[in-house]
Amino acid sequence: MNEMCSRECGRAMQMPVAGLCRACYMRDHRAKQPNARKPAVPTTTPCTYKHAHGKIRRYRGKAKEQECAWPGCDRQANEWSYTPGSQYEQEGLIDTYGRTGNKLQTYVKWSPWPYDYEPLCHAHHLIKDGKSKGAA
């Protein structure tokens, strides 16, 4: 029987010296050696939607590495959710693709400041954006 990661993430241990799976081991490694390319403070100059999401990952990591920030939710987050009203807010049309692969243009708001986002699970991200049946 395979031993499991000591972090109880549910994955098999792959790094026996550390007692961790590869994902947990790499997460620890990245935390100890932050990306040398990123400046000490993120910039707030206007940027594209795609670039803004890259900055979030660079400064805050992947949303999947965090718990959902929705009050009372104990699920793992899997998406970064923009909190509207930032002083750096930008808006515009971006290309998205529907379920059948057809190209769509979607109106979105975003911010170049990585701390204007919170990690949410998919269900709570939909509720926050008003796109689910449970939305108020």
Protein backbone atom coordinates (compact mmCIF):
# COMPACT_ATOMS: atom_id res chain seq x y z
CA MET A 1 0.00 0.00 0.00
CA ASN A 2 1.28 3.46 -0.90
CA GLU A 3 1.93 5.89 1.90
CA MET A 4 0.02 9.15 1.76
CA CYS A 5 1.29 12.72 1.92
CA SER A 6 1.72 13.92 5.50
CA ARG A 7 -0.32 17.06 4.66
CA GLU A 8 -3.46 14.93 4.24
CA CYS A 9 -4.05 16.31 0.75
CA GLY A 10 -5.14 12.86 -0.40
CA ARG A 11 -2.22 12.28 -2.79
CA ALA A 12 0.39 9.53 -2.60
CA MET A 13 3.73 10.41 -1.04
CA GLN A 14 6.38 10.86 -3.74
CA MET A 15 9.10 12.62 -1.73
CA PRO A 16 9.84 10.13 1.08
CA VAL A 17 12.55 12.23 2.75
CA ALA A 18 10.06 15.05 3.28
CA GLY A 19 7.02 12.78 3.63
CA LEU A 20 5.14 14.82 1.03
CA CYS A 21 3.56 14.46 -2.39
CA ARG A 22 5.24 16.35 -5.21
CA ALA A 23 2.68 19.20 -5.17
CA CYS A 24 3.08 19.89 -1.43
CA TYR A 25 6.86 19.56 -1.70
CA MET A 26 7.01 22.08 -4.58
CA ARG A 27 4.67 24.46 -2.75
CA ASP A 28 7.07 24.47 0.21
CA HIS A 29 10.05 24.86 -2.11
CA ARG A 30 8.51 27.88 -3.88
CA ALA A 31 7.62 29.48 -0.53
CA LYS A 32 11.25 29.22 0.60
CA GLN A 33 12.64 30.54 -2.69
CA PRO A 34 10.29 33.22 -4.01
CA ASN A 35 10.40 34.08 -7.68
CA ALA A 36 13.37 36.41 -8.11
CA ARG A 37 11.80 38.05 -11.19
CA LYS A 38 8.90 39.68 -9.39
CA PRO A 39 9.42 43.18 -7.97
CA ALA A 40 9.03 43.65 -4.22
CA VAL A 41 5.75 45.52 -4.71
CA PRO A 42 3.31 44.79 -7.57
CA THR A 43 2.63 47.66 -9.93
CA THR A 44 -0.78 49.20 -10.53
CA THR A 45 -0.18 50.40 -14.07
CA PRO A 46 -2.94 49.43 -16.52
CA CYS A 47 -2.58 45.95 -17.98
CA THR A 48 -4.56 43.36 -19.91
CA TYR A 49 -6.99 40.94 -18.25
CA LYS A 50 -4.63 38.03 -18.95
CA HIS A 51 -1.62 39.88 -17.54
CA ALA A 52 -3.57 40.78 -14.38
CA HIS A 53 -4.30 37.09 -13.73
CA GLY A 54 -0.65 36.23 -14.28
CA LYS A 55 0.29 38.83 -11.66
CA ILE A 56 -2.15 37.30 -9.18
CA ARG A 57 -0.53 33.88 -9.55
CA ARG A 58 2.96 35.39 -9.33
CA TYR A 59 2.27 37.30 -6.11
CA ARG A 60 -0.33 35.13 -4.40
CA GLY A 61 0.12 31.67 -5.90
CA LYS A 62 -2.57 29.50 -7.42
CA ALA A 63 -6.09 29.77 -6.04
CA LYS A 64 -6.11 25.97 -5.77
CA GLU A 65 -3.44 26.25 -3.08
CA GLN A 66 -5.83 28.16 -0.80
CA GLU A 67 -9.14 27.62 0.94
CA CYS A 68 -12.31 29.29 -0.29
CA ALA A 69 -12.65 32.74 1.32
CA TRP A 70 -16.47 32.54 1.41
CA PRO A 71 -17.64 32.67 5.06
CA GLY A 72 -18.42 29.18 6.36
CA CYS A 73 -17.06 27.36 3.30
CA ASP A 74 -14.43 24.71 3.96
CA ARG A 75 -13.83 23.75 0.31
CA GLN A 76 -10.65 24.24 -1.63
CA ALA A 77 -10.62 27.38 -3.77
CA ASN A 78 -10.04 26.95 -7.49
CA GLU A 79 -10.54 30.45 -8.91
CA TRP A 80 -9.48 34.00 -8.15
CA SER A 81 -12.48 36.32 -7.91
CA TYR A 82 -12.21 40.07 -8.47
CA THR A 83 -13.81 42.28 -5.83
CA PRO A 84 -15.28 45.28 -7.73
CA GLY A 85 -14.69 48.85 -6.69
CA SER A 86 -10.90 48.98 -6.82
CA GLN A 87 -9.35 52.36 -7.43
CA TYR A 88 -7.33 50.64 -10.20
CA GLU A 89 -10.35 48.98 -11.86
CA GLN A 90 -10.27 48.43 -15.61
CA GLU A 91 -13.00 47.11 -17.87
CA GLY A 92 -13.40 45.86 -21.37
CA LEU A 93 -14.24 43.01 -23.72
CA ILE A 94 -12.23 39.80 -23.72
CA ASP A 95 -12.44 36.76 -25.97
CA THR A 96 -13.91 33.68 -24.31
CA TYR A 97 -15.09 30.37 -25.69
CA GLY A 98 -18.44 28.68 -25.11
CA ARG A 99 -19.00 25.01 -24.37
CA THR A 100 -19.19 24.19 -28.07
CA GLY A 101 -15.97 26.07 -28.83
CA ASN A 102 -17.63 29.11 -30.36
CA LYS A 103 -15.80 32.38 -29.76
CA LEU A 104 -17.62 34.95 -27.62
CA GLN A 105 -16.81 38.42 -26.38
CA THR A 106 -17.45 38.93 -22.68
CA TYR A 107 -17.53 42.23 -20.80
CA VAL A 108 -15.40 42.00 -17.66
CA LYS A 109 -13.85 44.17 -14.97
CA TRP A 110 -10.40 43.51 -13.52
CA SER A 111 -7.62 45.17 -11.58
CA PRO A 112 -3.84 45.15 -12.01
CA TRP A 113 -3.52 45.02 -8.18
CA PRO A 114 -3.26 41.34 -7.15
CA TYR A 115 -4.77 41.97 -3.71
CA ASP A 116 -8.13 43.04 -5.20
CA TYR A 117 -8.94 39.33 -5.65
CA GLU A 118 -9.99 36.57 -3.27
CA PRO A 119 -9.76 32.79 -3.68
CA LEU A 120 -13.18 31.16 -4.09
CA CYS A 121 -14.53 27.74 -4.98
CA HIS A 122 -16.39 27.62 -8.31
CA ALA A 123 -19.86 27.60 -6.71
CA HIS A 124 -19.22 30.69 -4.60
CA HIS A 125 -17.52 32.48 -7.50
CA LEU A 126 -20.73 32.02 -9.53
CA ILE A 127 -22.84 33.31 -6.64
CA LYS A 128 -20.58 36.34 -6.18
CA ASP A 129 -20.78 37.15 -9.88
CA GLY A 130 -24.57 36.66 -9.86
CA LYS A 131 -24.49 33.81 -12.35
CA SER A 132 -26.13 30.99 -10.37
CA LYS A 133 -29.61 30.00 -9.28
CA GLY A 134 -28.61 30.69 -5.67
CA ALA A 135 -27.61 34.28 -6.36
CA ALA A 136 -29.56 36.97 -4.54
